[in-house]
Amino acid sequence: MNAKDRKKLLIDLDLTIVELARRIGRDKSWVTQTIHERKHPRPTQELIAKELNVPVDILFPSHRRAA
């Protein structure tokens, strides 16, 4: 998935980045940067994937390369 696909998924789930950040206990700007892959924090990617119920390597292809 790319950033556009991830944002569409959030829209489809009726979930804002602010709400996602609250649910996973991360700062909104950190989650935004992770969603857009400006930063690649593996723990945050894993939390987001778990919350969205999508495998992390599908949601963030860079996660697989960074392993």
C-alpha atoms as a PDB file:
ATOM      1  CA  MET A   1       0.000   0.000   0.000  1.00  0.00           C
ATOM      2  CA  ASN A   2       1.050   3.558  -0.528  1.00  0.00           C
ATOM      3  CA  ALA A   3       0.122   6.611   1.549  1.00  0.00           C
ATOM      4  CA  LYS A   4      -2.962   7.320  -0.569  1.00  0.00           C
ATOM      5  CA  ASP A   5      -4.229   3.764  -0.009  1.00  0.00           C
ATOM      6  CA  ARG A   6      -3.621   4.054   3.731  1.00  0.00           C
ATOM      7  CA  LYS A   7      -5.536   7.353   3.882  1.00  0.00           C
ATOM      8  CA  LYS A   8      -8.399   5.798   1.897  1.00  0.00           C
ATOM      9  CA  LEU A   9      -8.461   2.894   4.351  1.00  0.00           C
ATOM     10  CA  LEU A  10      -8.809   5.341   7.235  1.00  0.00           C
ATOM     11  CA  ILE A  11     -11.684   7.060   5.422  1.00  0.00           C
ATOM     12  CA  ASP A  12     -13.351   3.712   4.715  1.00  0.00           C
ATOM     13  CA  LEU A  13     -13.047   2.859   8.422  1.00  0.00           C
ATOM     14  CA  ASP A  14     -14.400   6.323   9.335  1.00  0.00           C
ATOM     15  CA  LEU A  15     -11.250   6.901  11.362  1.00  0.00           C
ATOM     16  CA  THR A  16      -9.215  10.096  11.571  1.00  0.00           C
ATOM     17  CA  ILE A  17      -5.484  10.255  12.126  1.00  0.00           C
ATOM     18  CA  VAL A  18      -6.202  12.023  15.420  1.00  0.00           C
ATOM     19  CA  GLU A  19      -8.411   9.146  16.589  1.00  0.00           C
ATOM     20  CA  LEU A  20      -5.923   6.549  15.345  1.00  0.00           C
ATOM     21  CA  ALA A  21      -3.127   8.323  17.209  1.00  0.00           C
ATOM     22  CA  ARG A  22      -5.210   8.380  20.379  1.00  0.00           C
ATOM     23  CA  ARG A  23      -6.016   4.683  20.092  1.00  0.00           C
ATOM     24  CA  ILE A  24      -2.400   3.638  19.689  1.00  0.00           C
ATOM     25  CA  GLY A  25      -0.998   6.167  22.163  1.00  0.00           C
ATOM     26  CA  ARG A  26       1.151   8.106  19.713  1.00  0.00           C
ATOM     27  CA  ASP A  27       1.360  11.775  18.755  1.00  0.00           C
ATOM     28  CA  LYS A  28      -0.756  12.838  15.756  1.00  0.00           C
ATOM     29  CA  SER A  29       2.210  14.243  13.877  1.00  0.00           C
ATOM     30  CA  TRP A  30       4.183  11.034  14.427  1.00  0.00           C
ATOM     31  CA  VAL A  31       1.295   8.949  13.060  1.00  0.00           C
ATOM     32  CA  THR A  32       0.908  11.302  10.087  1.00  0.00           C
ATOM     33  CA  GLN A  33       4.597  11.022   9.253  1.00  0.00           C
ATOM     34  CA  THR A  34       4.389   7.237   9.570  1.00  0.00           C
ATOM     35  CA  ILE A  35       1.283   7.016   7.350  1.00  0.00           C
ATOM     36  CA  HIS A  36       3.076   9.083   4.690  1.00  0.00           C
ATOM     37  CA  GLU A  37       6.297   7.100   5.226  1.00  0.00           C
ATOM     38  CA  ARG A  38       8.360  10.169   5.992  1.00  0.00           C
ATOM     39  CA  LYS A  39       9.458   8.212   9.043  1.00  0.00           C
ATOM     40  CA  HIS A  40       9.679   4.437   9.359  1.00  0.00           C
ATOM     41  CA  PRO A  41       9.261   3.655  13.058  1.00  0.00           C
ATOM     42  CA  ARG A  42       8.711  -0.088  13.121  1.00  0.00           C
ATOM     43  CA  PRO A  43       6.844  -0.141  16.471  1.00  0.00           C
ATOM     44  CA  THR A  44       4.424   2.559  15.282  1.00  0.00           C
ATOM     45  CA  GLN A  45       3.884   0.770  11.957  1.00  0.00           C
ATOM     46  CA  GLU A  46       3.063  -2.394  13.882  1.00  0.00           C
ATOM     47  CA  LEU A  47       0.613  -0.594  16.193  1.00  0.00           C
ATOM     48  CA  ILE A  48      -1.148   1.053  13.253  1.00  0.00           C
ATOM     49  CA  ALA A  49      -1.397  -2.238  11.365  1.00  0.00           C
ATOM     50  CA  LYS A  50      -2.795  -4.009  14.411  1.00  0.00           C
ATOM     51  CA  GLU A  51      -5.366  -1.268  15.017  1.00  0.00           C
ATOM     52  CA  LEU A  52      -6.447  -1.324  11.350  1.00  0.00           C
ATOM     53  CA  ASN A  53      -6.406  -5.136  11.256  1.00  0.00           C
ATOM     54  CA  VAL A  54      -4.118  -5.244   8.215  1.00  0.00           C
ATOM     55  CA  PRO A  55      -0.830  -7.190   8.069  1.00  0.00           C
ATOM     56  CA  VAL A  56       2.029  -4.776   8.677  1.00  0.00           C
ATOM     57  CA  ASP A  57       3.985  -5.890   5.601  1.00  0.00           C
ATOM     58  CA  ILE A  58       0.927  -5.156   3.424  1.00  0.00           C
ATOM     59  CA  LEU A  59       0.179  -1.795   5.043  1.00  0.00           C
ATOM     60  CA  PHE A  60       3.835  -0.711   5.060  1.00  0.00           C
ATOM     61  CA  PRO A  61       5.885  -2.474   2.365  1.00  0.00           C
ATOM     62  CA  SER A  62       8.994  -0.725   3.696  1.00  0.00           C
ATOM     63  CA  HIS A  63       8.515  -2.645   6.954  1.00  0.00           C
ATOM     64  CA  ARG A  64       9.520  -5.863   5.196  1.00  0.00           C
ATOM     65  CA  ARG A  65      12.623  -4.275   3.669  1.00  0.00           C
ATOM     66  CA  ALA A  66      13.696  -2.817   7.018  1.00  0.00           C
ATOM     67  CA  ALA A  67      13.499  -6.144   8.845  1.00  0.00           C
END
